[in-house]
Amino acid sequence: MQDIGHFRAKLLAARAALRRCEDGSYGDCLDCEEPIDPRRLGLDPAIALCIGCAEKRSYKHRR
C-alpha cells in the first residue's frame, strides 16, 4: 500500500505541474517565485520548489 501512496503523490505533483504550465508559472518556485534551476527540473519535472526553499522546508520539518 505504501507504493500506492507514493505513486498517488507523484501523480498529484505531475497534475500540479501541468496546471503551472497552463497558467505560465511552470519553472518558478512556489515559495520565492524565482526560477528553478533547469537541471533540477530535468531530474524531476514536477519539482515545485527551488533548492533553497526546499532545504528551508526540510529544515523546518526536522525541528
C-alpha atoms as a PDB file:
ATOM      1  CA  MET A   1       0.000   0.000   0.000  1.00  0.00           C
ATOM      2  CA  GLN A   2       2.925   2.348   0.568  1.00  0.00           C
ATOM      3  CA  ASP A   3       3.692   2.194  -3.167  1.00  0.00           C
ATOM      4  CA  ILE A   4       0.181   3.372  -3.994  1.00  0.00           C
ATOM      5  CA  GLY A   5       0.605   6.413  -1.769  1.00  0.00           C
ATOM      6  CA  HIS A   6       3.942   7.204  -3.387  1.00  0.00           C
ATOM      7  CA  PHE A   7       2.512   6.955  -6.905  1.00  0.00           C
ATOM      8  CA  ARG A   8      -0.552   8.968  -5.920  1.00  0.00           C
ATOM      9  CA  ALA A   9       1.712  11.747  -4.612  1.00  0.00           C
ATOM     10  CA  LYS A  10       3.720  11.670  -7.866  1.00  0.00           C
ATOM     11  CA  LEU A  11       0.514  11.852  -9.910  1.00  0.00           C
ATOM     12  CA  LEU A  12      -0.757  14.825  -7.910  1.00  0.00           C
ATOM     13  CA  ALA A  13       2.600  16.582  -8.338  1.00  0.00           C
ATOM     14  CA  ALA A  14       2.506  15.958 -12.099  1.00  0.00           C
ATOM     15  CA  ARG A  15      -1.021  17.349 -12.351  1.00  0.00           C
ATOM     16  CA  ALA A  16       0.027  20.427 -10.384  1.00  0.00           C
ATOM     17  CA  ALA A  17       2.991  20.893 -12.746  1.00  0.00           C
ATOM     18  CA  LEU A  18       0.634  20.723 -15.733  1.00  0.00           C
ATOM     19  CA  ARG A  19      -1.572  23.406 -14.158  1.00  0.00           C
ATOM     20  CA  ARG A  20       1.527  25.581 -13.689  1.00  0.00           C
ATOM     21  CA  CYS A  21       2.355  25.043 -17.386  1.00  0.00           C
ATOM     22  CA  GLU A  22      -1.131  26.190 -18.313  1.00  0.00           C
ATOM     23  CA  ASP A  23      -1.019  29.322 -16.143  1.00  0.00           C
ATOM     24  CA  GLY A  24       2.538  30.237 -17.132  1.00  0.00           C
ATOM     25  CA  SER A  25       4.147  29.726 -13.738  1.00  0.00           C
ATOM     26  CA  TYR A  26       5.902  26.422 -14.507  1.00  0.00           C
ATOM     27  CA  GLY A  27       9.563  26.543 -13.563  1.00  0.00           C
ATOM     28  CA  ASP A  28       9.082  29.196 -10.892  1.00  0.00           C
ATOM     29  CA  CYS A  29       9.439  28.300  -7.218  1.00  0.00           C
ATOM     30  CA  LEU A  30       6.118  28.249  -5.378  1.00  0.00           C
ATOM     31  CA  ASP A  31       7.660  29.883  -2.303  1.00  0.00           C
ATOM     32  CA  CYS A  32      10.023  32.584  -3.587  1.00  0.00           C
ATOM     33  CA  GLU A  33       8.793  32.780  -7.226  1.00  0.00           C
ATOM     34  CA  GLU A  34      12.385  32.707  -8.522  1.00  0.00           C
ATOM     35  CA  PRO A  35      13.224  30.397 -11.450  1.00  0.00           C
ATOM     36  CA  ILE A  36      14.013  26.793 -10.536  1.00  0.00           C
ATOM     37  CA  ASP A  37      17.362  25.580 -11.902  1.00  0.00           C
ATOM     38  CA  PRO A  38      16.653  23.735 -15.188  1.00  0.00           C
ATOM     39  CA  ARG A  39      18.955  20.902 -14.065  1.00  0.00           C
ATOM     40  CA  ARG A  40      16.696  20.406 -11.034  1.00  0.00           C
ATOM     41  CA  LEU A  41      13.610  20.340 -13.262  1.00  0.00           C
ATOM     42  CA  GLY A  42      15.430  17.876 -15.514  1.00  0.00           C
ATOM     43  CA  LEU A  43      15.720  15.461 -12.598  1.00  0.00           C
ATOM     44  CA  ASP A  44      12.025  15.781 -11.738  1.00  0.00           C
ATOM     45  CA  PRO A  45       9.818  17.933 -13.985  1.00  0.00           C
ATOM     46  CA  ALA A  46       7.170  18.113 -11.252  1.00  0.00           C
ATOM     47  CA  ILE A  47       9.509  19.872  -8.787  1.00  0.00           C
ATOM     48  CA  ALA A  48       7.759  22.943  -7.392  1.00  0.00           C
ATOM     49  CA  LEU A  49      10.472  24.465  -5.178  1.00  0.00           C
ATOM     50  CA  CYS A  50      13.965  25.774  -5.829  1.00  0.00           C
ATOM     51  CA  ILE A  51      16.727  24.051  -3.888  1.00  0.00           C
ATOM     52  CA  GLY A  52      16.972  26.870  -1.350  1.00  0.00           C
ATOM     53  CA  CYS A  53      13.279  26.820  -0.477  1.00  0.00           C
ATOM     54  CA  ALA A  54      13.193  23.008  -0.455  1.00  0.00           C
ATOM     55  CA  GLU A  55      16.063  22.992   2.045  1.00  0.00           C
ATOM     56  CA  LYS A  56      14.307  25.586   4.214  1.00  0.00           C
ATOM     57  CA  ARG A  57      11.140  23.477   4.302  1.00  0.00           C
ATOM     58  CA  SER A  58      13.124  20.342   5.056  1.00  0.00           C
ATOM     59  CA  TYR A  59      14.886  22.081   7.929  1.00  0.00           C
ATOM     60  CA  LYS A  60      11.579  23.321   9.367  1.00  0.00           C
ATOM     61  CA  HIS A  61      10.090  19.807   9.240  1.00  0.00           C
ATOM     62  CA  ARG A  62      13.094  18.313  11.056  1.00  0.00           C
ATOM     63  CA  ARG A  63      12.733  20.680  14.007  1.00  0.00           C
END
